[in-house]
């Protein structure tokens, strides 16, 4: 399901309408020239086929995307995180200029390498929940490698990460991040992976009321 044009998809609610990849396909792909809004649905059982290479998952955003009142998950690699293609992102992967999430639940996503949520560009996350996601080998739950991230009123809890680095909660690789009025708790890490937040030298963090 590839969206090359700017469209708005309005679902009746995440508990009523689901887009399923049937463990064979990606859920949605937003093209680089598109500006899309997706409301009120679930994206589940999505994964790129083996020919899809290393990127993909429930939603791949190459353009601008507004996602609200949705559930992302469960999505997973076919081989419980040991796919030879090492799928980077099973939930949301965004390399486009803008991404806005409002009241989105990201849950039950299993990734082999990187995270159930991996984003660049300008990202805003409002009143969302990231819970019950797992990475087998690396990273953790949320990876940000863009220019600006604003996260407000969001819960990041009960996620787990593998042993080789990153953070089970939030991993900030680059850019400027502001996190306020959020709960980041009960995330499980092992080995070199941190349980809460990891901030790399190329990133900055302003943390308030968390």
Protein backbone atom coordinates (compact mmCIF):
# COMPACT_ATOMS: atom_id res chain seq x y z
CA UNK A 1 0.00 0.00 0.00
CA UNK A 2 2.00 2.94 -1.33
CA UNK A 3 0.70 6.51 -1.10
CA UNK A 4 2.36 8.73 -3.69
CA UNK A 5 -0.25 11.50 -3.49
CA UNK A 6 -1.32 13.64 -0.56
CA UNK A 7 -4.38 11.96 0.97
CA UNK A 8 -6.33 11.75 4.23
CA UNK A 9 -7.45 8.35 5.53
CA UNK A 10 -10.12 8.53 8.25
CA UNK A 11 -10.89 5.25 9.95
CA UNK A 12 -13.79 4.55 12.33
CA UNK A 13 -11.40 3.75 15.19
CA UNK A 14 -8.40 1.59 15.95
CA UNK A 15 -10.56 -1.12 17.51
CA UNK A 16 -12.78 -1.28 14.43
CA UNK A 17 -10.53 -1.03 11.36
CA UNK A 18 -7.14 -2.71 10.81
CA UNK A 19 -4.68 -2.75 7.95
CA UNK A 20 -2.91 -6.11 8.04
CA UNK A 21 0.26 -7.09 6.26
CA UNK A 22 -0.51 -10.78 6.82
CA UNK A 23 3.14 -11.21 7.86
CA UNK A 24 4.10 -10.77 4.19
CA UNK A 25 3.86 -7.05 3.39
CA UNK A 26 4.44 -3.59 4.75
CA UNK A 27 1.38 -1.77 6.06
CA UNK A 28 1.69 1.74 4.56
CA UNK A 29 4.43 3.52 2.66
CA UNK A 30 4.26 7.32 2.29
CA UNK A 31 6.11 8.54 -0.81
CA UNK A 32 8.66 11.35 -0.68
CA UNK A 33 6.36 13.85 -2.42
CA UNK A 34 3.26 13.02 -0.36
CA UNK A 35 1.78 14.74 2.68
CA UNK A 36 -0.69 12.36 4.34
CA UNK A 37 -2.96 12.17 7.37
CA UNK A 38 -4.00 8.81 8.82
CA UNK A 39 -6.62 8.68 11.57
CA UNK A 40 -8.44 6.03 13.58
CA UNK A 41 -7.07 2.64 12.56
CA UNK A 42 -4.65 -0.15 13.45
CA UNK A 43 -1.66 -1.33 11.42
CA UNK A 44 -0.74 -4.88 12.39
CA UNK A 45 1.00 -8.08 11.23
CA UNK A 46 3.17 -6.06 8.87
CA UNK A 47 6.68 -6.92 7.72
CA UNK A 48 8.59 -6.36 4.49
CA UNK A 49 9.05 -9.45 2.34
CA UNK A 50 12.61 -10.79 2.02
CA UNK A 51 13.04 -8.90 -1.25
CA UNK A 52 12.27 -5.67 0.64
CA UNK A 53 15.76 -5.37 2.12
CA UNK A 54 16.48 -3.81 5.47
CA UNK A 55 13.91 -1.03 5.89
CA UNK A 56 10.22 -1.19 6.46
CA UNK A 57 7.58 -2.25 8.91
CA UNK A 58 4.07 -1.11 9.69
CA UNK A 59 4.57 2.41 8.32
CA UNK A 60 7.41 3.79 6.24
CA UNK A 61 7.30 7.57 5.87
CA UNK A 62 9.45 9.23 3.23
CA UNK A 63 7.32 12.38 3.08
CA UNK A 64 5.21 14.20 5.67
CA UNK A 65 2.79 12.25 7.87
CA UNK A 66 0.24 13.05 10.56
CA UNK A 67 -0.81 9.93 12.50
CA UNK A 68 -3.53 10.21 15.15
CA UNK A 69 -5.77 7.91 17.21
CA UNK A 70 -4.06 4.80 15.84
CA UNK A 71 -2.52 1.58 17.10
CA UNK A 72 0.73 0.32 15.59
CA UNK A 73 1.19 -3.34 16.45
CA UNK A 74 1.73 -6.11 16.79
CA UNK A 75 4.27 -6.27 13.97
CA UNK A 76 7.31 -8.52 13.86
CA UNK A 77 9.99 -10.10 11.79
CA UNK A 78 9.13 -13.54 10.40
CA UNK A 79 11.90 -15.24 12.39
CA UNK A 80 11.37 -13.71 15.85
CA UNK A 81 13.92 -10.98 15.31
CA UNK A 82 16.55 -13.16 13.63
CA UNK A 83 15.64 -12.34 10.04
CA UNK A 84 18.80 -12.48 7.89
CA UNK A 85 17.84 -9.08 6.47
CA UNK A 86 17.84 -7.55 9.98
CA UNK A 87 14.72 -5.46 9.47
CA UNK A 88 15.47 -2.10 11.04
CA UNK A 89 12.02 -1.04 12.13
CA UNK A 90 8.89 -3.11 12.65
CA UNK A 91 6.66 -0.25 13.84
CA UNK A 92 7.21 3.22 12.34
CA UNK A 93 10.22 4.23 10.27
CA UNK A 94 10.33 7.86 9.16
CA UNK A 95 13.07 9.44 7.07
CA UNK A 96 10.83 12.18 5.64
CA UNK A 97 10.91 15.85 6.63
CA UNK A 98 7.99 15.78 9.10
CA UNK A 99 6.17 13.34 11.37
CA UNK A 100 3.43 14.13 13.92
CA UNK A 101 2.00 11.47 16.24
CA UNK A 102 -0.99 12.22 18.46
CA UNK A 103 -2.67 9.66 20.72
CA UNK A 104 -0.90 6.73 19.08
CA UNK A 105 -0.24 3.40 20.80
CA UNK A 106 2.89 1.57 19.60
CA UNK A 107 2.83 -1.90 21.16
CA UNK A 108 3.81 -5.51 20.64
CA UNK A 109 6.41 -4.84 17.94
CA UNK A 110 9.47 -7.10 17.63
CA UNK A 111 12.57 -5.93 15.77
CA UNK A 112 15.89 -7.64 15.17
CA UNK A 113 18.09 -4.57 14.75
CA UNK A 114 17.34 -0.93 15.62
CA UNK A 115 13.90 -0.23 17.04
CA UNK A 116 10.12 -0.45 16.67
CA UNK A 117 10.25 3.35 16.15
CA UNK A 118 13.08 4.99 14.19
CA UNK A 119 12.80 8.55 12.90
CA UNK A 120 14.73 11.43 11.36
CA UNK A 121 13.61 14.90 10.28
CA UNK A 122 11.29 17.04 12.41
CA UNK A 123 9.23 14.85 14.78
CA UNK A 124 6.51 15.69 17.31
CA UNK A 125 5.01 13.05 19.62
CA UNK A 126 2.00 14.09 21.73
CA UNK A 127 0.11 11.97 24.28
CA UNK A 128 1.31 8.64 22.90
CA UNK A 129 2.23 5.32 24.50
CA UNK A 130 5.14 3.04 23.58
CA UNK A 131 4.79 -0.20 25.51
CA UNK A 132 5.56 -3.90 25.20
CA UNK A 133 8.02 -3.56 22.30
CA UNK A 134 11.21 -5.62 22.00
CA UNK A 135 14.48 -5.49 20.09
CA UNK A 136 16.56 -8.66 19.93
CA UNK A 137 20.01 -7.34 19.03
CA UNK A 138 20.34 -3.58 19.35
CA UNK A 139 18.83 -0.14 20.08
CA UNK A 140 15.53 -0.53 21.93
CA UNK A 141 12.25 1.25 21.60
CA UNK A 142 12.60 4.80 20.21
CA UNK A 143 15.56 5.88 18.07
CA UNK A 144 15.83 9.49 16.89
CA UNK A 145 18.46 10.58 14.39
CA UNK A 146 16.92 13.78 12.98
CA UNK A 147 17.02 17.54 13.56
CA UNK A 148 14.29 18.15 16.19
CA UNK A 149 12.17 15.95 18.43
CA UNK A 150 9.42 17.24 20.73
CA UNK A 151 7.77 14.70 23.03
CA UNK A 152 4.99 15.74 25.41
CA UNK A 153 2.65 13.74 27.64
CA UNK A 154 3.96 10.40 26.40
CA UNK A 155 4.54 7.11 28.22
CA UNK A 156 7.48 4.83 27.39
CA UNK A 157 7.26 1.70 29.53
CA UNK A 158 7.84 -2.07 29.63
CA UNK A 159 10.00 -2.18 26.51
CA UNK A 160 13.14 -4.33 26.24
CA UNK A 161 16.36 -4.18 24.25
CA UNK A 162 19.25 -6.48 23.37
CA UNK A 163 22.81 -6.51 24.60
CA UNK A 164 24.87 -4.59 22.04
CA UNK A 165 24.10 -0.92 22.68
CA UNK A 166 21.50 1.84 22.46
CA UNK A 167 18.72 2.26 25.01
CA UNK A 168 15.62 0.29 25.92
CA UNK A 169 13.73 3.56 26.37
CA UNK A 170 14.94 6.35 24.04
CA UNK A 171 18.17 6.58 22.04
CA UNK A 172 19.04 10.09 20.80
CA UNK A 173 21.62 9.88 18.04
CA UNK A 174 21.48 13.45 16.73
CA UNK A 175 19.49 16.68 16.80
CA UNK A 176 17.75 18.67 19.52
CA UNK A 177 15.21 16.90 21.75
CA UNK A 178 12.71 18.32 24.24
CA UNK A 179 10.87 15.85 26.50
CA UNK A 180 8.30 17.16 28.96
CA UNK A 181 5.56 15.69 31.17
CA UNK A 182 6.45 12.15 30.11
CA UNK A 183 6.78 8.84 31.93
CA UNK A 184 9.83 6.74 30.99
CA UNK A 185 9.88 3.77 33.32
CA UNK A 186 10.22 -0.02 33.69
CA UNK A 187 12.17 -0.55 30.47
CA UNK A 188 14.49 -3.56 30.52
CA UNK A 189 18.01 -3.54 29.12
CA UNK A 190 20.99 -5.89 29.22
CA UNK A 191 24.67 -5.81 28.33
CA UNK A 192 25.81 -2.43 27.01
CA UNK A 193 22.28 -1.17 26.47
CA UNK A 194 20.93 1.54 28.80
CA UNK A 195 17.44 1.13 30.34
CA UNK A 196 16.14 4.72 30.03
CA UNK A 197 17.73 7.34 27.75
CA UNK A 198 21.03 7.41 25.86
CA UNK A 199 22.25 10.72 24.43
CA UNK A 200 25.06 10.62 21.89
CA UNK A 201 27.60 13.41 21.47
CA UNK A 202 25.81 14.79 18.42
CA UNK A 203 22.48 15.16 20.25
CA UNK A 204 21.11 17.44 22.96
CA UNK A 205 18.30 16.85 25.48
CA UNK A 206 16.06 19.20 27.45
CA UNK A 207 14.15 17.12 30.02
CA UNK A 208 11.37 18.55 32.21
CA UNK A 209 8.72 17.13 34.57
CA UNK A 210 9.48 13.49 33.82
